[in-house]
Amino acid sequence: MPRIRVGDQAILNMWLHDEATNKYVRAHCRNAAGTVLSGSPFTLSHIARGHYQAKPFTMPLSQEIEVIYEVYNDAGFTTPSPDHLGAFELIELDQSASGSGSTQVIEVEATIDANEVDLEAEVQPDVE
């Protein structure tokens, strides 16, 4: 089960066992409280050889996201594909660090390193 941090891009993937390229796949997403995510259901695009993918949202502050995939024969999503089962996926929140927080830490460390270099330069004696 995938784990992603708050603010990271969620990537939804479904692979059809027969590598069908003429299907229409969508995903219904709900947060841990059962609330439908804004924009859900999301349509997955065919990438190659039966692989469908979408990058529809950034991970919200929720313990998990429930994803239910459906496969259809038509773009109107009215005729389910009898040859393909739907799928279920649970995306868990990775609480090790938030996506944007880790970027900020890197920026702060870079700023500290630059300041340390400047401080060392200031205390070096003049050599003539």
N, C-alpha and C. Protein backbone atom coordinates (compact mmCIF):
# COMPACT_ATOMS: atom_id res chain seq x y z
N MET A 1 0.85 -1.17 0.00
CA MET A 1 0.00 0.00 0.00
C MET A 1 0.89 1.23 0.00
N PRO A 2 0.63 2.14 -0.93
CA PRO A 2 1.48 3.33 -1.02
C PRO A 2 1.32 4.26 0.17
N ARG A 3 2.41 4.94 0.51
CA ARG A 3 2.40 5.94 1.58
C ARG A 3 2.98 7.22 1.00
N ILE A 4 2.27 8.32 1.15
CA ILE A 4 2.78 9.60 0.67
C ILE A 4 2.59 10.67 1.73
N ARG A 5 3.37 11.73 1.61
CA ARG A 5 3.34 12.81 2.60
C ARG A 5 2.32 13.88 2.21
N VAL A 6 1.89 14.63 3.18
CA VAL A 6 0.97 15.75 2.94
C VAL A 6 1.62 16.69 1.93
N GLY A 7 0.87 17.07 0.91
CA GLY A 7 1.37 17.98 -0.10
C GLY A 7 2.04 17.31 -1.29
N ASP A 8 2.35 16.00 -1.17
CA ASP A 8 2.95 15.29 -2.30
C ASP A 8 1.87 14.94 -3.32
N GLN A 9 2.27 14.84 -4.58
CA GLN A 9 1.36 14.50 -5.67
C GLN A 9 0.95 13.03 -5.57
N ALA A 10 -0.34 12.77 -5.56
CA ALA A 10 -0.84 11.40 -5.58
C ALA A 10 -0.83 10.91 -7.02
N ILE A 11 -0.38 9.69 -7.22
CA ILE A 11 -0.38 9.09 -8.55
C ILE A 11 -1.24 7.83 -8.49
N LEU A 12 -2.30 7.83 -9.27
CA LEU A 12 -3.21 6.68 -9.33
C LEU A 12 -2.86 5.85 -10.55
N ASN A 13 -2.69 4.56 -10.37
CA ASN A 13 -2.31 3.66 -11.45
C ASN A 13 -3.23 2.45 -11.47
N MET A 14 -3.58 2.01 -12.67
CA MET A 14 -4.28 0.74 -12.83
C MET A 14 -3.74 0.08 -14.09
N TRP A 15 -3.44 -1.20 -13.96
CA TRP A 15 -2.95 -1.96 -15.09
C TRP A 15 -3.97 -3.04 -15.40
N LEU A 16 -4.41 -3.14 -16.65
CA LEU A 16 -5.36 -4.15 -17.07
C LEU A 16 -4.61 -5.39 -17.53
N HIS A 17 -4.97 -6.53 -16.98
CA HIS A 17 -4.24 -7.79 -17.19
C HIS A 17 -4.08 -8.17 -18.65
N ASP A 18 -5.05 -7.81 -19.50
CA ASP A 18 -4.97 -8.16 -20.93
C ASP A 18 -4.36 -7.03 -21.77
N GLU A 19 -3.87 -6.00 -21.09
CA GLU A 19 -3.22 -4.85 -21.71
C GLU A 19 -4.15 -4.09 -22.67
N ALA A 20 -5.45 -4.11 -22.37
CA ALA A 20 -6.43 -3.41 -23.20
C ALA A 20 -6.13 -1.92 -23.24
N THR A 21 -6.18 -1.36 -24.44
CA THR A 21 -5.88 0.06 -24.62
C THR A 21 -7.11 0.89 -24.95
N ASN A 22 -8.25 0.23 -25.06
CA ASN A 22 -9.48 0.91 -25.51
C ASN A 22 -10.53 0.99 -24.40
N LYS A 23 -10.10 1.05 -23.15
CA LYS A 23 -11.03 1.12 -22.02
C LYS A 23 -10.99 2.51 -21.40
N TYR A 24 -11.93 2.74 -20.52
CA TYR A 24 -12.04 4.03 -19.83
C TYR A 24 -12.04 3.73 -18.34
N VAL A 25 -11.04 4.25 -17.65
CA VAL A 25 -10.86 3.95 -16.23
C VAL A 25 -11.07 5.22 -15.42
N ARG A 26 -11.77 5.08 -14.30
CA ARG A 26 -11.91 6.22 -13.39
C ARG A 26 -11.77 5.73 -11.96
N ALA A 27 -11.45 6.68 -11.09
CA ALA A 27 -11.20 6.38 -9.68
C ALA A 27 -12.02 7.30 -8.80
N HIS A 28 -12.72 6.69 -7.85
CA HIS A 28 -13.47 7.43 -6.83
C HIS A 28 -12.59 7.49 -5.59
N CYS A 29 -12.40 8.69 -5.02
CA CYS A 29 -11.50 8.87 -3.88
C CYS A 29 -12.22 9.53 -2.71
N ARG A 30 -12.00 8.95 -1.52
CA ARG A 30 -12.56 9.49 -0.27
C ARG A 30 -11.45 9.56 0.78
N ASN A 31 -11.57 10.55 1.66
CA ASN A 31 -10.59 10.65 2.75
C ASN A 31 -11.01 9.74 3.91
N ALA A 32 -10.25 9.76 4.99
CA ALA A 32 -10.50 8.87 6.14
C ALA A 32 -11.86 9.12 6.78
N ALA A 33 -12.39 10.33 6.66
CA ALA A 33 -13.70 10.66 7.23
C ALA A 33 -14.84 10.23 6.29
N GLY A 34 -14.50 9.73 5.10
CA GLY A 34 -15.51 9.31 4.14
C GLY A 34 -15.97 10.41 3.21
N THR A 35 -15.32 11.56 3.27
CA THR A 35 -15.67 12.69 2.41
C THR A 35 -15.04 12.52 1.03
N VAL A 36 -15.85 12.71 0.00
CA VAL A 36 -15.36 12.60 -1.38
C VAL A 36 -14.37 13.74 -1.64
N LEU A 37 -13.21 13.40 -2.22
CA LEU A 37 -12.23 14.43 -2.56
C LEU A 37 -12.76 15.30 -3.69
N SER A 38 -12.41 16.56 -3.65
CA SER A 38 -12.83 17.50 -4.68
C SER A 38 -12.35 17.02 -6.05
N GLY A 39 -13.26 16.97 -7.02
CA GLY A 39 -12.93 16.54 -8.36
C GLY A 39 -13.16 15.06 -8.61
N SER A 40 -13.37 14.29 -7.56
CA SER A 40 -13.61 12.85 -7.70
C SER A 40 -15.01 12.62 -8.27
N PRO A 41 -15.17 11.67 -9.19
CA PRO A 41 -14.20 10.68 -9.66
C PRO A 41 -13.23 11.27 -10.67
N PHE A 42 -12.02 10.69 -10.70
CA PHE A 42 -10.96 11.13 -11.59
C PHE A 42 -10.81 10.15 -12.74
N THR A 43 -10.60 10.68 -13.94
CA THR A 43 -10.39 9.85 -15.12
C THR A 43 -8.90 9.57 -15.29
N LEU A 44 -8.56 8.30 -15.49
CA LEU A 44 -7.18 7.91 -15.73
C LEU A 44 -6.95 7.83 -17.23
N SER A 45 -5.81 8.31 -17.68
CA SER A 45 -5.45 8.28 -19.10
C SER A 45 -4.65 7.03 -19.41
N HIS A 46 -4.82 6.53 -20.62
CA HIS A 46 -4.03 5.37 -21.04
C HIS A 46 -2.61 5.82 -21.32
N ILE A 47 -1.64 5.14 -20.70
CA ILE A 47 -0.23 5.47 -20.87
C ILE A 47 0.40 4.54 -21.92
N ALA A 48 0.29 3.24 -21.69
CA ALA A 48 0.84 2.24 -22.62
C ALA A 48 0.47 0.84 -22.18
N ARG A 49 0.19 -0.05 -23.14
CA ARG A 49 -0.03 -1.47 -22.89
C ARG A 49 -0.93 -1.77 -21.69
N GLY A 50 -2.06 -1.10 -21.62
CA GLY A 50 -3.02 -1.37 -20.55
C GLY A 50 -2.73 -0.67 -19.23
N HIS A 51 -1.77 0.23 -19.23
CA HIS A 51 -1.45 1.00 -18.02
C HIS A 51 -2.18 2.34 -18.10
N TYR A 52 -3.01 2.61 -17.10
CA TYR A 52 -3.77 3.85 -17.01
C TYR A 52 -3.30 4.60 -15.78
N GLN A 53 -3.22 5.94 -15.90
CA GLN A 53 -2.66 6.73 -14.81
C GLN A 53 -3.29 8.11 -14.74
N ALA A 54 -3.33 8.65 -13.51
CA ALA A 54 -3.76 10.04 -13.27
C ALA A 54 -2.97 10.57 -12.09
N LYS A 55 -2.74 11.89 -12.09
CA LYS A 55 -2.10 12.59 -10.98
C LYS A 55 -3.07 13.70 -10.56
N PRO A 56 -4.20 13.32 -9.95
CA PRO A 56 -5.30 14.27 -9.79
C PRO A 56 -5.30 15.18 -8.58
N PHE A 57 -4.51 14.85 -7.54
CA PHE A 57 -4.59 15.67 -6.33
C PHE A 57 -3.31 15.55 -5.54
N THR A 58 -3.12 16.51 -4.62
CA THR A 58 -2.02 16.41 -3.66
C THR A 58 -2.59 15.82 -2.38
N MET A 59 -1.78 15.10 -1.68
CA MET A 59 -2.22 14.41 -0.47
C MET A 59 -2.69 15.41 0.58
N PRO A 60 -3.96 15.28 1.00
CA PRO A 60 -4.47 16.16 2.05
C PRO A 60 -4.04 15.63 3.43
N LEU A 61 -4.32 16.39 4.45
CA LEU A 61 -4.05 15.94 5.81
C LEU A 61 -5.16 14.99 6.21
N SER A 62 -4.97 13.72 5.91
CA SER A 62 -5.92 12.66 6.19
C SER A 62 -5.13 11.39 6.41
N GLN A 63 -5.53 10.55 7.35
CA GLN A 63 -4.80 9.32 7.65
C GLN A 63 -4.68 8.42 6.43
N GLU A 64 -5.70 8.46 5.57
CA GLU A 64 -5.68 7.61 4.39
C GLU A 64 -6.65 8.12 3.34
N ILE A 65 -6.42 7.67 2.12
CA ILE A 65 -7.32 7.94 1.01
C ILE A 65 -7.74 6.59 0.44
N GLU A 66 -9.03 6.40 0.34
CA GLU A 66 -9.59 5.17 -0.24
C GLU A 66 -9.84 5.42 -1.73
N VAL A 67 -9.34 4.52 -2.57
CA VAL A 67 -9.49 4.67 -4.01
C VAL A 67 -10.20 3.43 -4.56
N ILE A 68 -11.29 3.65 -5.28
CA ILE A 68 -12.00 2.56 -5.94
C ILE A 68 -11.95 2.82 -7.44
N TYR A 69 -11.34 1.86 -8.15
CA TYR A 69 -11.19 1.97 -9.59
C TYR A 69 -12.32 1.22 -10.30
N GLU A 70 -12.78 1.79 -11.40
CA GLU A 70 -13.81 1.17 -12.24
C GLU A 70 -13.34 1.21 -13.69
N VAL A 71 -13.69 0.16 -14.46
CA VAL A 71 -13.29 0.07 -15.87
C VAL A 71 -14.55 -0.01 -16.72
N TYR A 72 -14.61 0.84 -17.75
CA TYR A 72 -15.78 0.92 -18.61
C TYR A 72 -15.39 0.72 -20.08
N ASN A 73 -16.39 0.39 -20.86
CA ASN A 73 -16.20 0.24 -22.31
C ASN A 73 -16.40 1.54 -23.07
N ASP A 74 -16.99 2.54 -22.42
CA ASP A 74 -17.33 3.78 -23.12
C ASP A 74 -16.89 5.01 -22.33
N ALA A 75 -16.67 6.09 -23.06
CA ALA A 75 -16.19 7.34 -22.45
C ALA A 75 -17.24 7.99 -21.55
N GLY A 76 -18.49 7.60 -21.72
CA GLY A 76 -19.54 8.14 -20.86
C GLY A 76 -19.66 7.41 -19.53
N PHE A 77 -18.85 6.38 -19.33
CA PHE A 77 -18.83 5.59 -18.11
C PHE A 77 -20.21 5.01 -17.79
N THR A 78 -20.87 4.47 -18.83
CA THR A 78 -22.20 3.88 -18.62
C THR A 78 -22.20 2.36 -18.77
N THR A 79 -21.20 1.80 -19.47
CA THR A 79 -21.16 0.35 -19.70
C THR A 79 -19.90 -0.23 -19.05
N PRO A 80 -20.05 -0.86 -17.88
CA PRO A 80 -18.88 -1.48 -17.24
C PRO A 80 -18.28 -2.56 -18.15
N SER A 81 -16.98 -2.68 -18.12
CA SER A 81 -16.30 -3.71 -18.91
C SER A 81 -16.50 -5.06 -18.23
N PRO A 82 -17.12 -6.02 -18.93
CA PRO A 82 -17.34 -7.33 -18.31
C PRO A 82 -16.04 -8.13 -18.17
N ASP A 83 -14.99 -7.72 -18.85
CA ASP A 83 -13.72 -8.44 -18.82
C ASP A 83 -12.74 -7.93 -17.77
N HIS A 84 -13.11 -6.87 -17.06
CA HIS A 84 -12.18 -6.26 -16.11
C HIS A 84 -12.86 -5.99 -14.78
N LEU A 85 -12.26 -6.49 -13.73
CA LEU A 85 -12.76 -6.19 -12.40
C LEU A 85 -12.28 -4.82 -11.97
N GLY A 86 -13.02 -4.19 -11.11
CA GLY A 86 -12.56 -2.95 -10.52
C GLY A 86 -11.45 -3.28 -9.53
N ALA A 87 -10.93 -2.29 -8.89
CA ALA A 87 -9.86 -2.51 -7.92
C ALA A 87 -10.03 -1.53 -6.76
N PHE A 88 -9.40 -1.87 -5.65
CA PHE A 88 -9.42 -1.03 -4.45
C PHE A 88 -7.98 -0.78 -4.02
N GLU A 89 -7.72 0.45 -3.61
CA GLU A 89 -6.38 0.80 -3.12
C GLU A 89 -6.53 1.74 -1.94
N LEU A 90 -5.66 1.60 -0.97
CA LEU A 90 -5.64 2.49 0.17
C LEU A 90 -4.30 3.22 0.15
N ILE A 91 -4.34 4.54 0.10
CA ILE A 91 -3.13 5.35 0.14
C ILE A 91 -3.01 5.88 1.57
N GLU A 92 -1.92 5.54 2.23
CA GLU A 92 -1.74 5.95 3.62
C GLU A 92 -0.90 7.22 3.71
N LEU A 93 -1.17 7.99 4.75
CA LEU A 93 -0.40 9.20 5.03
C LEU A 93 0.95 8.80 5.61
N ASP A 94 2.02 9.29 5.01
CA ASP A 94 3.37 9.10 5.54
C ASP A 94 3.64 10.28 6.46
N GLN A 95 3.73 10.01 7.75
CA GLN A 95 3.88 11.08 8.73
C GLN A 95 5.32 11.38 9.07
N SER A 96 6.26 10.81 8.32
CA SER A 96 7.67 11.04 8.62
C SER A 96 8.05 12.52 8.44
N ALA A 97 7.44 13.18 7.46
CA ALA A 97 7.64 14.61 7.22
C ALA A 97 6.66 15.01 6.14
N SER A 98 6.23 16.24 6.17
CA SER A 98 5.33 16.69 5.10
C SER A 98 6.15 16.99 3.86
N GLY A 99 5.52 16.90 2.70
CA GLY A 99 6.20 17.15 1.44
C GLY A 99 6.80 18.54 1.38
N SER A 100 6.03 19.56 1.72
CA SER A 100 6.56 20.91 1.63
C SER A 100 7.52 21.20 2.77
N GLY A 101 7.32 20.55 3.92
CA GLY A 101 8.21 20.76 5.06
C GLY A 101 9.62 20.30 4.78
N SER A 102 9.76 19.16 4.12
CA SER A 102 11.10 18.66 3.84
C SER A 102 11.83 19.59 2.86
N THR A 103 11.11 20.19 1.94
CA THR A 103 11.72 21.15 1.02
C THR A 103 12.20 22.37 1.80
N GLN A 104 11.38 22.83 2.75
CA GLN A 104 11.76 23.99 3.55
C GLN A 104 12.99 23.69 4.40
N VAL A 105 13.11 22.48 4.92
CA VAL A 105 14.27 22.12 5.73
C VAL A 105 15.53 22.19 4.87
N ILE A 106 15.47 21.70 3.65
CA ILE A 106 16.62 21.76 2.76
C ILE A 106 17.01 23.21 2.50
N GLU A 107 16.02 24.07 2.28
CA GLU A 107 16.31 25.48 2.03
C GLU A 107 16.94 26.12 3.26
N VAL A 108 16.46 25.78 4.46
CA VAL A 108 17.01 26.35 5.69
C VAL A 108 18.44 25.87 5.87
N GLU A 109 18.71 24.59 5.63
CA GLU A 109 20.07 24.07 5.77
C GLU A 109 21.01 24.76 4.79
N ALA A 110 20.55 25.01 3.58
CA ALA A 110 21.38 25.69 2.59
C ALA A 110 21.69 27.11 3.05
N THR A 111 20.71 27.77 3.66
CA THR A 111 20.91 29.12 4.17
C THR A 111 21.90 29.11 5.33
N ILE A 112 21.79 28.14 6.21
CA ILE A 112 22.71 28.04 7.34
C ILE A 112 24.12 27.79 6.84
N ASP A 113 24.29 26.89 5.89
CA ASP A 113 25.63 26.62 5.34
C ASP A 113 26.23 27.88 4.73
N ALA A 114 25.44 28.64 4.01
CA ALA A 114 25.94 29.87 3.39
C ALA A 114 26.37 30.87 4.47
N ASN A 115 25.60 30.97 5.55
CA ASN A 115 25.95 31.88 6.64
C ASN A 115 27.22 31.43 7.35
N GLU A 116 27.39 30.13 7.52
CA GLU A 116 28.61 29.64 8.17
C GLU A 116 29.85 29.98 7.34
N VAL A 117 29.72 29.86 6.05
CA VAL A 117 30.84 30.21 5.17
C VAL A 117 31.16 31.69 5.32
N ASP A 118 30.13 32.53 5.34
CA ASP A 118 30.34 33.96 5.50
C ASP A 118 30.99 34.28 6.83
N LEU A 119 30.56 33.62 7.91
CA LEU A 119 31.13 33.86 9.23
C LEU A 119 32.59 33.46 9.26
N GLU A 120 32.92 32.34 8.67
CA GLU A 120 34.32 31.91 8.63
C GLU A 120 35.16 32.91 7.85
N ALA A 121 34.61 33.43 6.79
CA ALA A 121 35.36 34.40 5.99
C ALA A 121 35.61 35.68 6.78
N GLU A 122 34.68 36.06 7.63
CA GLU A 122 34.83 37.29 8.40
C GLU A 122 35.90 37.16 9.48
N VAL A 123 36.11 35.96 10.01
CA VAL A 123 37.07 35.81 11.10
C VAL A 123 38.47 35.44 10.61
N GLN A 124 38.66 35.23 9.34
CA GLN A 124 39.97 34.92 8.80
C GLN A 124 40.85 36.18 8.86
N PRO A 125 42.06 36.02 9.35
CA PRO A 125 42.96 37.19 9.40
C PRO A 125 43.45 37.55 8.01
N ASP A 126 43.75 38.83 7.86
CA ASP A 126 44.28 39.32 6.57
C ASP A 126 45.73 38.84 6.44
N VAL A 127 46.05 38.27 5.34
CA VAL A 127 47.42 37.83 5.12
C VAL A 127 48.01 38.69 4.01
N GLU A 128 49.14 39.36 4.29
CA GLU A 128 49.78 40.22 3.29
C GLU A 128 51.20 39.86 3.10
